[in-house]
Amino acid sequence: MKPSKLPDRTPVKLSTTLTPTLAARLRDYADFYAETYGTREEVADLVPFMLEAFLDGDADFRRASRSGGAKDPTIGTPRRLNNQSTE
């Protein structure tokens, strides 16, 4: 079979507490998103995509993941994270 087995797509609920300032900034971001794309989205719907974009854009994290320094969630094998800024 050509495609590999699909990854687990079961959503994971994560609860967190935000500072009032951060909550306001996220609402402002949702407003900006609506102005930009003409579609209103709830903050809770935007946050997972914002976090994914943040992680994808973190060059140090990507580098550590490629070199075996971060856990690969598709394999589930813990790996050592080399944070050179604290060494």
N, C-alpha and C. Protein backbone atom coordinates (compact mmCIF):
# COMPACT_ATOMS: atom_id res chain seq x y z
N MET A 1 0.84 -1.17 0.00
CA MET A 1 0.00 0.00 0.00
C MET A 1 0.89 1.24 0.00
N LYS A 2 0.58 2.20 -0.84
CA LYS A 2 1.40 3.39 -1.01
C LYS A 2 1.45 4.29 0.23
N PRO A 3 0.31 4.79 0.72
CA PRO A 3 0.42 5.66 1.90
C PRO A 3 0.71 4.86 3.16
N SER A 4 1.46 5.49 4.04
CA SER A 4 1.73 4.83 5.31
C SER A 4 0.49 4.95 6.20
N LYS A 5 0.52 4.25 7.32
CA LYS A 5 -0.58 4.29 8.27
C LYS A 5 -0.78 5.73 8.74
N LEU A 6 -2.02 6.17 8.81
CA LEU A 6 -2.32 7.53 9.24
C LEU A 6 -1.96 7.71 10.71
N PRO A 7 -1.47 8.89 11.07
CA PRO A 7 -1.12 9.15 12.47
C PRO A 7 -2.39 9.27 13.32
N ASP A 8 -2.23 9.19 14.61
CA ASP A 8 -3.34 9.37 15.54
C ASP A 8 -3.87 10.79 15.37
N ARG A 9 -5.15 10.91 15.10
CA ARG A 9 -5.76 12.23 14.90
C ARG A 9 -6.79 12.54 15.98
N THR A 10 -6.70 11.81 17.08
CA THR A 10 -7.61 12.05 18.19
C THR A 10 -7.25 13.38 18.85
N PRO A 11 -8.18 14.32 18.89
CA PRO A 11 -7.85 15.60 19.52
C PRO A 11 -7.52 15.43 21.00
N VAL A 12 -6.61 16.25 21.48
CA VAL A 12 -6.23 16.26 22.88
C VAL A 12 -6.65 17.61 23.45
N LYS A 13 -7.47 17.59 24.48
CA LYS A 13 -7.91 18.84 25.09
C LYS A 13 -6.87 19.29 26.10
N LEU A 14 -6.52 20.56 26.02
CA LEU A 14 -5.53 21.15 26.90
C LEU A 14 -6.14 22.41 27.50
N SER A 15 -6.18 22.47 28.79
CA SER A 15 -6.69 23.67 29.47
C SER A 15 -5.51 24.46 30.01
N THR A 16 -5.63 25.78 29.95
CA THR A 16 -4.57 26.64 30.44
C THR A 16 -5.18 27.92 30.99
N THR A 17 -4.42 28.63 31.75
CA THR A 17 -4.85 29.91 32.30
C THR A 17 -3.98 31.00 31.69
N LEU A 18 -4.63 32.05 31.21
CA LEU A 18 -3.92 33.15 30.57
C LEU A 18 -3.98 34.39 31.44
N THR A 19 -2.98 35.22 31.30
CA THR A 19 -3.05 36.52 31.94
C THR A 19 -4.09 37.36 31.21
N PRO A 20 -4.69 38.33 31.88
CA PRO A 20 -5.66 39.18 31.19
C PRO A 20 -5.07 39.89 29.97
N THR A 21 -3.81 40.28 30.07
CA THR A 21 -3.15 40.95 28.96
C THR A 21 -3.03 40.02 27.75
N LEU A 22 -2.60 38.78 27.98
CA LEU A 22 -2.47 37.84 26.88
C LEU A 22 -3.83 37.51 26.28
N ALA A 23 -4.84 37.34 27.11
CA ALA A 23 -6.19 37.06 26.60
C ALA A 23 -6.66 38.21 25.70
N ALA A 24 -6.40 39.45 26.11
CA ALA A 24 -6.78 40.60 25.30
C ALA A 24 -6.01 40.62 23.98
N ARG A 25 -4.73 40.30 24.03
CA ARG A 25 -3.92 40.27 22.80
C ARG A 25 -4.41 39.19 21.85
N LEU A 26 -4.82 38.05 22.39
CA LEU A 26 -5.35 36.99 21.54
C LEU A 26 -6.67 37.42 20.90
N ARG A 27 -7.51 38.13 21.65
CA ARG A 27 -8.76 38.65 21.06
C ARG A 27 -8.44 39.67 19.97
N ASP A 28 -7.44 40.52 20.21
CA ASP A 28 -7.01 41.47 19.18
C ASP A 28 -6.50 40.73 17.94
N TYR A 29 -5.78 39.64 18.17
CA TYR A 29 -5.27 38.85 17.04
C TYR A 29 -6.44 38.26 16.25
N ALA A 30 -7.46 37.77 16.95
CA ALA A 30 -8.63 37.23 16.26
C ALA A 30 -9.33 38.32 15.45
N ASP A 31 -9.39 39.53 15.98
CA ASP A 31 -9.96 40.66 15.23
C ASP A 31 -9.13 40.95 13.99
N PHE A 32 -7.80 40.95 14.15
CA PHE A 32 -6.90 41.18 13.02
C PHE A 32 -7.08 40.09 11.96
N TYR A 33 -7.21 38.85 12.40
CA TYR A 33 -7.45 37.73 11.49
C TYR A 33 -8.73 37.97 10.70
N ALA A 34 -9.81 38.38 11.39
CA ALA A 34 -11.08 38.63 10.72
C ALA A 34 -10.97 39.75 9.70
N GLU A 35 -10.23 40.82 10.05
CA GLU A 35 -10.03 41.92 9.11
C GLU A 35 -9.23 41.47 7.89
N THR A 36 -8.25 40.61 8.13
CA THR A 36 -7.37 40.16 7.05
C THR A 36 -8.07 39.19 6.11
N TYR A 37 -8.80 38.21 6.67
CA TYR A 37 -9.36 37.14 5.86
C TYR A 37 -10.88 37.23 5.68
N GLY A 38 -11.54 38.17 6.36
CA GLY A 38 -12.97 38.32 6.19
C GLY A 38 -13.79 37.24 6.85
N THR A 39 -13.19 36.45 7.70
CA THR A 39 -13.87 35.37 8.41
C THR A 39 -13.50 35.45 9.88
N ARG A 40 -14.53 35.48 10.72
CA ARG A 40 -14.27 35.54 12.16
C ARG A 40 -14.04 34.12 12.68
N GLU A 41 -12.96 33.94 13.42
CA GLU A 41 -12.65 32.66 14.07
C GLU A 41 -12.50 32.91 15.56
N GLU A 42 -12.90 31.94 16.34
CA GLU A 42 -12.74 32.05 17.79
C GLU A 42 -11.26 31.89 18.15
N VAL A 43 -10.86 32.55 19.23
CA VAL A 43 -9.47 32.45 19.70
C VAL A 43 -9.10 30.99 19.90
N ALA A 44 -9.99 30.21 20.52
CA ALA A 44 -9.71 28.80 20.79
C ALA A 44 -9.46 28.01 19.51
N ASP A 45 -10.05 28.44 18.39
CA ASP A 45 -9.82 27.75 17.12
C ASP A 45 -8.53 28.20 16.46
N LEU A 46 -8.08 29.42 16.75
CA LEU A 46 -6.83 29.92 16.17
C LEU A 46 -5.59 29.44 16.91
N VAL A 47 -5.69 29.29 18.22
CA VAL A 47 -4.52 28.98 19.03
C VAL A 47 -3.77 27.73 18.58
N PRO A 48 -4.42 26.59 18.29
CA PRO A 48 -3.63 25.42 17.86
C PRO A 48 -2.80 25.70 16.61
N PHE A 49 -3.35 26.46 15.67
CA PHE A 49 -2.60 26.77 14.45
C PHE A 49 -1.47 27.75 14.74
N MET A 50 -1.69 28.67 15.68
CA MET A 50 -0.64 29.61 16.07
C MET A 50 0.51 28.86 16.74
N LEU A 51 0.18 27.92 17.61
CA LEU A 51 1.23 27.14 18.29
C LEU A 51 2.01 26.28 17.30
N GLU A 52 1.29 25.67 16.36
CA GLU A 52 1.97 24.85 15.36
C GLU A 52 2.90 25.70 14.51
N ALA A 53 2.44 26.89 14.09
CA ALA A 53 3.28 27.79 13.31
C ALA A 53 4.51 28.23 14.11
N PHE A 54 4.31 28.48 15.40
CA PHE A 54 5.43 28.87 16.27
C PHE A 54 6.47 27.75 16.32
N LEU A 55 6.02 26.52 16.56
CA LEU A 55 6.96 25.40 16.65
C LEU A 55 7.64 25.15 15.31
N ASP A 56 6.89 25.24 14.21
CA ASP A 56 7.47 25.04 12.89
C ASP A 56 8.49 26.12 12.56
N GLY A 57 8.30 27.32 13.12
CA GLY A 57 9.20 28.43 12.83
C GLY A 57 10.40 28.52 13.75
N ASP A 58 10.47 27.67 14.75
CA ASP A 58 11.57 27.71 15.71
C ASP A 58 12.75 26.90 15.16
N ALA A 59 13.72 27.59 14.60
CA ALA A 59 14.85 26.92 13.94
C ALA A 59 15.64 26.05 14.90
N ASP A 60 15.85 26.51 16.13
CA ASP A 60 16.60 25.71 17.10
C ASP A 60 15.87 24.41 17.42
N PHE A 61 14.55 24.49 17.58
CA PHE A 61 13.77 23.29 17.87
C PHE A 61 13.80 22.33 16.68
N ARG A 62 13.65 22.84 15.46
CA ARG A 62 13.72 21.98 14.26
C ARG A 62 15.07 21.31 14.18
N ARG A 63 16.14 22.07 14.43
CA ARG A 63 17.49 21.53 14.37
C ARG A 63 17.66 20.42 15.41
N ALA A 64 17.19 20.65 16.62
CA ALA A 64 17.29 19.65 17.69
C ALA A 64 16.49 18.41 17.33
N SER A 65 15.33 18.60 16.73
CA SER A 65 14.49 17.47 16.34
C SER A 65 15.19 16.61 15.28
N ARG A 66 15.82 17.27 14.32
CA ARG A 66 16.51 16.53 13.25
C ARG A 66 17.73 15.79 13.77
N SER A 67 18.41 16.38 14.77
CA SER A 67 19.64 15.76 15.25
C SER A 67 19.39 14.78 16.40
N GLY A 68 18.13 14.53 16.69
CA GLY A 68 17.83 13.59 17.76
C GLY A 68 17.79 14.22 19.12
N GLY A 69 17.74 15.54 19.19
CA GLY A 69 17.75 16.22 20.48
C GLY A 69 16.37 16.50 21.04
N ALA A 70 15.32 16.18 20.31
CA ALA A 70 13.96 16.41 20.79
C ALA A 70 13.13 15.16 20.53
N LYS A 71 12.08 15.02 21.29
CA LYS A 71 11.22 13.86 21.13
C LYS A 71 10.47 13.95 19.80
N ASP A 72 10.46 12.86 19.06
CA ASP A 72 9.70 12.77 17.81
C ASP A 72 8.34 12.18 18.15
N PRO A 73 7.25 12.98 18.12
CA PRO A 73 5.94 12.48 18.54
C PRO A 73 5.40 11.39 17.63
N THR A 74 5.90 11.26 16.40
CA THR A 74 5.41 10.22 15.51
C THR A 74 5.99 8.86 15.87
N ILE A 75 7.11 8.86 16.58
CA ILE A 75 7.76 7.61 16.96
C ILE A 75 7.55 7.32 18.44
N GLY A 76 7.50 8.35 19.24
CA GLY A 76 7.29 8.18 20.67
C GLY A 76 8.55 7.83 21.43
N THR A 77 9.71 7.98 20.82
CA THR A 77 10.98 7.69 21.47
C THR A 77 11.52 8.95 22.10
N PRO A 78 11.70 8.98 23.42
CA PRO A 78 12.25 10.19 24.04
C PRO A 78 13.68 10.44 23.58
N ARG A 79 13.96 11.67 23.33
CA ARG A 79 15.30 12.06 22.90
C ARG A 79 15.78 13.22 23.76
N ARG A 80 17.07 13.41 23.80
CA ARG A 80 17.67 14.48 24.59
C ARG A 80 17.57 15.79 23.82
N LEU A 81 17.10 16.84 24.48
CA LEU A 81 17.03 18.15 23.87
C LEU A 81 18.28 18.94 24.25
N ASN A 82 19.04 19.31 23.26
CA ASN A 82 20.27 20.08 23.49
C ASN A 82 19.95 21.55 23.42
N ASN A 83 19.75 22.17 24.54
CA ASN A 83 19.50 23.60 24.58
C ASN A 83 20.82 24.29 24.83
N GLN A 84 21.45 24.73 23.77
CA GLN A 84 22.79 25.30 23.85
C GLN A 84 22.81 26.62 24.57
N SER A 85 21.64 27.30 24.66
CA SER A 85 21.63 28.61 25.32
C SER A 85 21.80 28.48 26.83
N THR A 86 21.57 27.29 27.40
CA THR A 86 21.72 27.13 28.84
C THR A 86 22.93 26.29 29.21
N GLU A 87 23.67 25.83 28.23
CA GLU A 87 24.85 24.99 28.53
C GLU A 87 26.08 25.83 28.67
